[in-house]
Protein backbone atom coordinates (compact mmCIF):
# COMPACT_ATOMS: atom_id res chain seq x y z
CA UNK A 1 -12.09 2.68 4.70
CA UNK A 2 -9.55 2.66 7.43
CA UNK A 3 -6.62 5.30 6.92
CA UNK A 4 -3.68 3.54 8.90
CA UNK A 5 -1.70 5.76 10.91
CA UNK A 6 2.18 5.49 10.74
CA UNK A 7 2.16 2.93 14.09
CA UNK A 8 -0.75 1.08 12.58
CA UNK A 9 1.14 0.54 9.10
CA UNK A 10 4.30 -0.10 11.00
CA UNK A 11 2.47 -2.85 12.84
CA UNK A 12 1.60 -4.91 9.73
CA UNK A 13 5.46 -4.88 8.76
CA UNK A 14 7.49 -8.18 9.41
CA UNK A 15 11.47 -8.75 9.41
CA UNK A 16 12.49 -10.10 5.90
CA UNK A 17 9.58 -8.65 3.34
CA UNK A 18 9.62 -10.75 0.32
CA UNK A 19 9.23 -9.02 -2.95
CA UNK A 20 6.19 -10.07 -5.16
CA UNK A 21 6.94 -11.06 -8.74
CA UNK A 22 5.40 -8.25 -10.84
CA UNK A 23 3.62 -10.83 -12.89
CA UNK A 24 2.04 -12.50 -10.03
CA UNK A 25 -1.90 -12.31 -9.89
CA UNK A 26 -2.71 -10.44 -6.40
CA UNK A 27 -4.11 -12.56 -3.73
CA UNK A 28 -7.71 -10.87 -4.65
CA UNK A 29 -9.54 -7.85 -6.11
CA UNK A 30 -8.79 -5.24 -4.22
CA UNK A 31 -9.38 -2.37 -6.54
CA UNK A 32 -13.02 -1.63 -5.28
CA UNK A 33 -11.35 -0.68 -2.17
CA UNK A 34 -9.12 1.84 -3.82
CA UNK A 35 -11.72 3.26 -5.87
CA UNK A 36 -13.94 3.82 -2.24
CA UNK A 37 -11.23 5.52 -0.62
CA UNK A 38 -11.95 9.55 -0.01
CA UNK A 39 -9.92 11.84 -2.27
CA UNK A 40 -8.82 13.54 0.95
CA UNK A 41 -6.61 10.27 1.82
CA UNK A 42 -4.65 10.91 -1.17
CA UNK A 43 -2.68 14.11 0.80
CA UNK A 44 -3.33 16.02 -2.65
CA UNK A 45 -1.22 13.11 -4.82
CA UNK A 46 -2.67 11.72 -8.02
CA UNK A 47 -2.85 8.10 -7.96
CA UNK A 48 -5.34 7.82 -10.80
CA UNK A 49 -2.94 5.80 -13.32
CA UNK A 50 -3.22 2.37 -10.90
CA UNK A 51 0.19 1.57 -11.44
CA UNK A 52 1.85 -0.96 -8.86
CA UNK A 53 5.72 -1.48 -9.26
CA UNK A 54 5.82 -2.80 -5.94
CA UNK A 55 4.11 -5.35 -3.62
CA UNK A 56 5.55 -6.96 -0.50
CA UNK A 57 4.54 -10.30 1.40
CA UNK A 58 5.28 -10.25 4.89
CA UNK A 59 6.66 -13.94 5.33
CA UNK A 60 5.86 -14.18 9.02
CA UNK A 61 2.26 -12.91 9.26
CA UNK A 62 -0.99 -12.79 6.86
CA UNK A 63 0.00 -9.29 5.52
CA UNK A 64 0.66 -8.03 1.80
CA UNK A 65 1.54 -4.38 1.37
CA UNK A 66 0.57 -3.36 -2.05
CA UNK A 67 2.13 0.15 -3.41
CA UNK A 68 0.01 2.25 -5.62
CA UNK A 69 2.60 4.72 -7.32
CA UNK A 70 1.43 8.43 -7.46
CA UNK A 71 2.38 10.93 -10.12
CA UNK A 72 4.68 12.44 -7.46
CA UNK A 73 8.25 10.69 -7.21
CA UNK A 74 8.72 8.60 -4.28
CA UNK A 75 4.90 8.66 -2.88
CA UNK A 76 2.82 5.80 -2.73
CA UNK A 77 -0.48 4.63 -1.12
CA UNK A 78 -0.01 1.26 0.58
CA UNK A 79 -2.89 -1.10 0.55
CA UNK A 80 -2.78 -3.50 3.19
CA UNK A 81 -3.96 -6.88 2.67
CA UNK A 82 -4.90 -9.73 4.76
CA UNK A 83 -3.88 -12.53 2.48
CA UNK A 84 -5.97 -15.25 4.43
CA UNK A 85 -8.82 -13.01 5.00
CA UNK A 86 -9.05 -11.78 1.87
CA UNK A 87 -9.92 -8.13 2.73
CA UNK A 88 -7.95 -4.59 2.69
CA UNK A 89 -7.30 -3.65 6.39
CA UNK A 90 -6.30 -0.32 5.29
CA UNK A 91 -4.39 2.18 3.37
CA UNK A 92 -1.55 4.44 4.37
CA UNK A 93 0.36 7.49 2.44
CA UNK A 94 3.63 6.45 2.11
CA UNK A 95 5.75 9.85 1.29
CA UNK A 96 9.16 8.99 0.75
CA UNK A 97 10.31 12.25 0.26
CA UNK A 98 8.86 13.56 3.55
CA UNK A 99 10.49 10.73 5.41
CA UNK A 100 14.08 11.17 3.94
CA UNK A 101 14.17 14.42 3.32
CA UNK A 102 14.19 14.00 -0.85
CA UNK A 103 13.35 17.08 -2.39
């Protein structure tokens, strides 16, 4: 279960990401990966609802970012998918509150 550093995560981003339609099927079943993530990687946040409000396709690369919402507003666990390889590259805790100083 590779927990991606901030730099590793940013390296999977591409200019002009495209928002994936919420009704679109994911490229493959990533939930087994999600369920195997060690609880300490959740940073004390609750992701048990399994809600995915956003997914972003990186048009100039093979990556798609799937954001699993936590019970804490503005905190997501991002699963980085390799769409071509049909695998999860890793995950990253995205805490927008911390990044942008939101309370």
